Amino acid sequence: MDVSLYIPSLFRRLSDSYGRFWLSGITPIFWLSVTLVVAEGVAIGPEVIRAVQNKYGASAAQRVYEWQRLMSENKGRSEQEKLRMVNDFFNRLRFSSDIELWGKVDYWATPIEAMGKGAADCEDYSIAKYFTLKELGVPDSKMRIMYVKALRLDQAHMVLTYYPKPGAVPLVLDNLDKRILSANRRTDLAPVYSFNGDGLWLAKSRGAGQRVGTSKRINLWQDLKARMKRENGNDEN
């Protein structure tokens, strides 16, 4: 599968300059840093759960209720415990392609949409884990949603990475390998770019970056943010 099909056009335009670096000769120590602004915090109330039941059914509403409890009852746990709980919670969802779920080649589902369907693709797992950990109090600065190439599958993939401290080799939360492992043990993944809630830039190596714009240039992310606002009853731009 051609990895370029799954990279937003902004990064495809940069591929001539950086493509050889991204996908050849990379070891996990060079996990790249690209960051973008995210939507506001997750808000799940009774009206949201009722809307999920009306649209997706009782099983979906139960999944969202369990998600709400996970976020509300575990804020005092250690970050390592939060990582494990959130990774396990979302990896229970069935894997399915965007074509099967949404009739689109590439669609970034909100956590509620993924739980409504009871299924997700790699982007949906990573996005849901990111927002949930953020709601549980894990700092944005410690997390990156990361596009990678899954070398054994020869296809684009997405994972969530967690940095215990600045400059550390991150831990990888993934749906392919459900264990939480450090990036230097995931030799099956080659990093492409990553994002979180602090801006948008492309780095040639860990800790140094070239600013390339703002998250407004990432249409899939903007669409995701807008749908999350609507789910939470906020239609403001």
Protein backbone atom coordinates (compact mmCIF):
# COMPACT_ATOMS: atom_id res chain seq x y z
CA MET A 1 0.00 0.00 0.00
CA ASP A 2 1.31 3.45 -0.88
CA VAL A 3 1.95 5.40 2.33
CA SER A 4 1.42 8.68 0.46
CA LEU A 5 -2.29 7.92 0.13
CA TYR A 6 -2.67 8.38 3.87
CA ILE A 7 -0.56 11.50 4.40
CA PRO A 8 -2.37 14.88 4.19
CA SER A 9 -1.44 16.97 1.17
CA LEU A 10 0.69 19.34 3.25
CA PHE A 11 3.11 16.51 4.00
CA ARG A 12 2.96 15.05 0.51
CA ARG A 13 4.16 18.42 -0.78
CA LEU A 14 7.13 18.17 1.56
CA SER A 15 7.92 14.58 0.61
CA ASP A 16 10.37 15.50 -2.13
CA SER A 17 12.59 17.14 0.47
CA TYR A 18 12.16 14.74 3.34
CA GLY A 19 10.84 11.49 1.90
CA ARG A 20 14.17 9.70 1.79
CA PHE A 21 14.79 10.61 5.42
CA TRP A 22 11.30 9.57 6.56
CA LEU A 23 11.18 6.10 5.12
CA SER A 24 14.75 4.87 4.74
CA GLY A 25 17.59 4.42 7.20
CA ILE A 26 15.50 5.49 10.22
CA THR A 27 15.84 3.89 13.65
CA PRO A 28 13.17 4.40 16.32
CA ILE A 29 15.39 6.90 18.19
CA PHE A 30 14.47 9.51 15.55
CA TRP A 31 10.69 9.61 16.18
CA LEU A 32 9.71 12.86 14.51
CA SER A 33 7.79 15.76 16.06
CA VAL A 34 4.84 17.45 14.35
CA THR A 35 2.17 19.08 16.48
CA LEU A 36 -1.28 20.60 15.91
CA VAL A 37 -3.99 22.29 17.95
CA VAL A 38 -6.66 19.92 19.24
CA ALA A 39 -10.33 20.31 20.14
CA GLU A 40 -11.48 21.29 23.62
CA GLY A 41 -11.88 18.73 26.40
CA VAL A 42 -14.16 15.74 26.15
CA ALA A 43 -17.59 16.32 27.72
CA ILE A 44 -19.88 13.32 28.13
CA GLY A 45 -23.24 13.87 29.81
CA PRO A 46 -26.55 11.97 29.89
CA GLU A 47 -27.80 13.77 26.78
CA VAL A 48 -24.77 12.57 24.80
CA ILE A 49 -25.30 8.98 25.92
CA ARG A 50 -29.00 9.20 24.97
CA ALA A 51 -28.05 10.51 21.53
CA VAL A 52 -25.60 7.61 21.09
CA GLN A 53 -28.30 5.10 22.04
CA ASN A 54 -30.76 6.64 19.59
CA LYS A 55 -28.23 6.58 16.74
CA TYR A 56 -26.21 3.42 17.39
CA GLY A 57 -28.14 1.32 19.92
CA ALA A 58 -27.90 0.18 23.54
CA SER A 59 -24.54 -1.59 23.23
CA ALA A 60 -22.92 1.57 21.90
CA ALA A 61 -24.45 3.64 24.70
CA GLN A 62 -23.00 1.19 27.23
CA ARG A 63 -19.53 1.56 25.69
CA VAL A 64 -19.75 5.36 25.93
CA TYR A 65 -20.99 5.12 29.53
CA GLU A 66 -18.01 2.91 30.42
CA TRP A 67 -15.71 5.42 28.71
CA GLN A 68 -17.23 8.24 30.77
CA ARG A 69 -16.65 6.25 33.96
CA LEU A 70 -13.06 5.51 32.97
CA MET A 71 -12.37 9.23 32.60
CA SER A 72 -14.23 10.35 35.71
CA GLU A 73 -13.00 7.67 38.13
CA ASN A 74 -9.30 7.36 37.29
CA LYS A 75 -7.85 10.87 37.29
CA GLY A 76 -5.85 10.10 40.45
CA ARG A 77 -4.00 7.12 39.04
CA SER A 78 -0.37 7.22 37.92
CA GLU A 79 0.35 8.01 34.28
CA GLN A 80 1.59 4.47 33.71
CA GLU A 81 -1.71 3.09 35.01
CA LYS A 82 -3.66 5.50 32.82
CA LEU A 83 -1.69 4.42 29.75
CA ARG A 84 -2.42 0.77 30.40
CA MET A 85 -6.13 1.28 31.14
CA VAL A 86 -6.76 3.48 28.12
CA ASN A 87 -4.75 1.30 25.76
CA ASP A 88 -6.63 -1.81 26.86
CA PHE A 89 -10.03 -0.09 26.76
CA PHE A 90 -9.84 1.04 23.14
CA ASN A 91 -8.00 -2.01 21.83
CA ARG A 92 -11.16 -3.98 22.61
CA LEU A 93 -12.82 -2.33 19.61
CA ARG A 94 -12.92 -4.41 16.45
CA PHE A 95 -10.54 -3.30 13.70
CA SER A 96 -12.25 -2.25 10.47
CA SER A 97 -11.28 -0.08 7.50
CA ASP A 98 -12.67 3.38 6.82
CA ILE A 99 -14.22 2.07 3.62
CA GLU A 100 -16.21 -0.53 5.54
CA LEU A 101 -17.19 1.80 8.38
CA TRP A 102 -17.69 5.14 6.64
CA GLY A 103 -17.54 4.53 2.89
CA LYS A 104 -14.46 6.76 2.61
CA VAL A 105 -10.80 6.07 1.90
CA ASP A 106 -9.67 8.12 4.91
CA TYR A 107 -11.91 9.30 7.76
CA TRP A 108 -10.83 10.31 11.26
CA ALA A 109 -13.62 9.20 13.59
CA THR A 110 -14.34 10.87 16.90
CA PRO A 111 -14.12 8.62 19.97
CA ILE A 112 -17.93 8.58 20.16
CA GLU A 113 -18.23 7.56 16.50
CA ALA A 114 -15.72 4.74 17.01
CA MET A 115 -17.54 3.46 20.07
CA GLY A 116 -20.85 3.89 18.32
CA LYS A 117 -19.70 1.57 15.57
CA GLY A 118 -17.84 -0.67 18.01
CA ALA A 119 -14.98 -0.60 15.52
CA ALA A 120 -12.04 1.54 14.52
CA ASP A 121 -9.02 1.80 12.27
CA CYS A 122 -5.54 2.74 13.45
CA GLU A 123 -6.19 6.49 13.37
CA ASP A 124 -9.37 6.14 15.40
CA TYR A 125 -7.64 4.08 18.10
CA SER A 126 -4.84 6.64 18.39
CA ILE A 127 -7.12 9.68 18.44
CA ALA A 128 -9.42 8.15 21.06
CA LYS A 129 -6.49 7.21 23.31
CA TYR A 130 -5.03 10.69 22.96
CA PHE A 131 -8.20 12.57 23.91
CA THR A 132 -8.94 10.19 26.77
CA LEU A 133 -5.47 10.47 28.31
CA LYS A 134 -5.63 14.22 27.92
CA GLU A 135 -8.95 14.26 29.80
CA LEU A 136 -7.35 12.08 32.50
CA GLY A 137 -4.71 14.76 33.02
CA VAL A 138 -1.75 13.48 31.02
CA PRO A 139 0.01 16.62 29.72
CA ASP A 140 -0.21 17.36 26.01
CA SER A 141 3.55 17.82 25.96
CA LYS A 142 4.05 14.13 26.76
CA MET A 143 1.94 12.78 23.89
CA ARG A 144 2.19 12.62 20.10
CA ILE A 145 -0.22 11.04 17.63
CA MET A 146 2.25 9.59 15.16
CA TYR A 147 1.98 8.47 11.55
CA VAL A 148 4.37 5.61 10.86
CA LYS A 149 4.98 3.03 8.20
CA ALA A 150 4.26 -0.51 9.39
CA LEU A 151 7.20 -2.22 7.73
CA ARG A 152 6.00 -5.80 7.95
CA LEU A 153 2.63 -4.85 6.46
CA ASP A 154 4.17 -2.33 4.04
CA GLN A 155 1.44 0.21 4.75
CA ALA A 156 0.71 3.45 6.55
CA HIS A 157 -0.24 3.17 10.20
CA MET A 158 -0.92 5.41 13.20
CA VAL A 159 0.02 5.01 16.86
CA LEU A 160 0.03 7.12 20.02
CA THR A 161 3.39 7.82 21.63
CA TYR A 162 4.06 8.91 25.22
CA TYR A 163 7.25 10.65 26.36
CA PRO A 164 7.89 10.16 30.11
CA LYS A 165 10.25 13.16 30.05
CA PRO A 166 11.62 15.55 27.41
CA GLY A 167 14.07 13.84 25.06
CA ALA A 168 13.14 10.34 26.21
CA VAL A 169 12.50 7.48 23.82
CA PRO A 170 8.68 7.27 23.79
CA LEU A 171 6.38 4.44 24.69
CA VAL A 172 4.12 3.26 21.86
CA LEU A 173 0.40 2.57 22.30
CA ASP A 174 -0.73 0.54 19.32
CA ASN A 175 -3.54 -1.70 18.11
CA LEU A 176 -1.27 -4.01 16.11
CA ASP A 177 0.96 -4.94 19.03
CA LYS A 178 -1.23 -4.37 22.07
CA ARG A 179 1.69 -4.30 24.49
CA ILE A 180 3.00 -0.87 25.51
CA LEU A 181 6.61 -0.97 24.35
CA SER A 182 9.36 1.62 23.98
CA ALA A 183 9.95 2.87 20.45
CA ASN A 184 13.41 1.31 20.31
CA ARG A 185 11.70 -2.10 20.59
CA ARG A 186 9.29 -1.34 17.74
CA THR A 187 11.68 -1.91 14.88
CA ASP A 188 8.66 -2.83 12.76
CA LEU A 189 7.62 0.86 12.62
CA ALA A 190 9.29 3.72 10.73
CA PRO A 191 8.17 7.21 11.86
CA VAL A 192 6.76 9.68 9.35
CA TYR A 193 5.32 12.65 11.29
CA SER A 194 3.49 13.31 14.55
CA PHE A 195 1.13 15.85 16.08
CA ASN A 196 -0.36 16.98 19.36
CA GLY A 197 -1.88 20.14 20.77
CA ASP A 198 1.00 22.62 20.60
CA GLY A 199 1.35 23.73 16.95
CA LEU A 200 2.55 22.24 13.72
CA TRP A 201 6.09 21.51 12.65
CA LEU A 202 8.27 18.92 10.97
CA ALA A 203 11.52 17.76 12.54
CA LYS A 204 14.57 16.16 10.96
CA SER A 205 15.54 14.67 14.30
CA ARG A 206 14.18 14.48 17.79
CA GLY A 207 14.18 17.83 19.59
CA ALA A 208 14.72 20.07 16.53
CA GLY A 209 12.02 21.15 14.12
CA GLN A 210 11.08 23.29 11.16
CA ARG A 211 7.77 25.08 11.52
CA VAL A 212 5.54 24.41 8.52
CA GLY A 213 2.21 26.07 9.38
CA THR A 214 -0.82 25.64 11.61
CA SER A 215 -3.38 22.89 12.10
CA LYS A 216 -5.84 24.77 9.88
CA ARG A 217 -3.95 23.23 6.95
CA ILE A 218 -4.90 19.70 8.09
CA ASN A 219 -8.44 19.26 6.83
CA LEU A 220 -9.07 15.88 8.45
CA TRP A 221 -8.12 17.27 11.87
CA GLN A 222 -10.31 20.34 11.45
CA ASP A 223 -13.25 18.16 10.42
CA LEU A 224 -12.70 15.93 13.46
CA LYS A 225 -12.65 18.93 15.82
CA ALA A 226 -15.88 20.29 14.32
CA ARG A 227 -17.68 16.95 14.77
CA MET A 228 -16.49 16.67 18.37
CA LYS A 229 -17.92 20.12 19.10
CA ARG A 230 -21.25 19.14 17.60
CA GLU A 231 -21.31 15.94 19.67
CA ASN A 232 -20.75 18.01 22.80
CA GLY A 233 -23.54 20.44 21.86
CA ASN A 234 -21.21 23.26 20.83
CA ASP A 235 -21.54 24.39 17.21
CA GLU A 236 -19.33 27.46 17.55
CA ASN A 237 -16.36 27.77 15.21
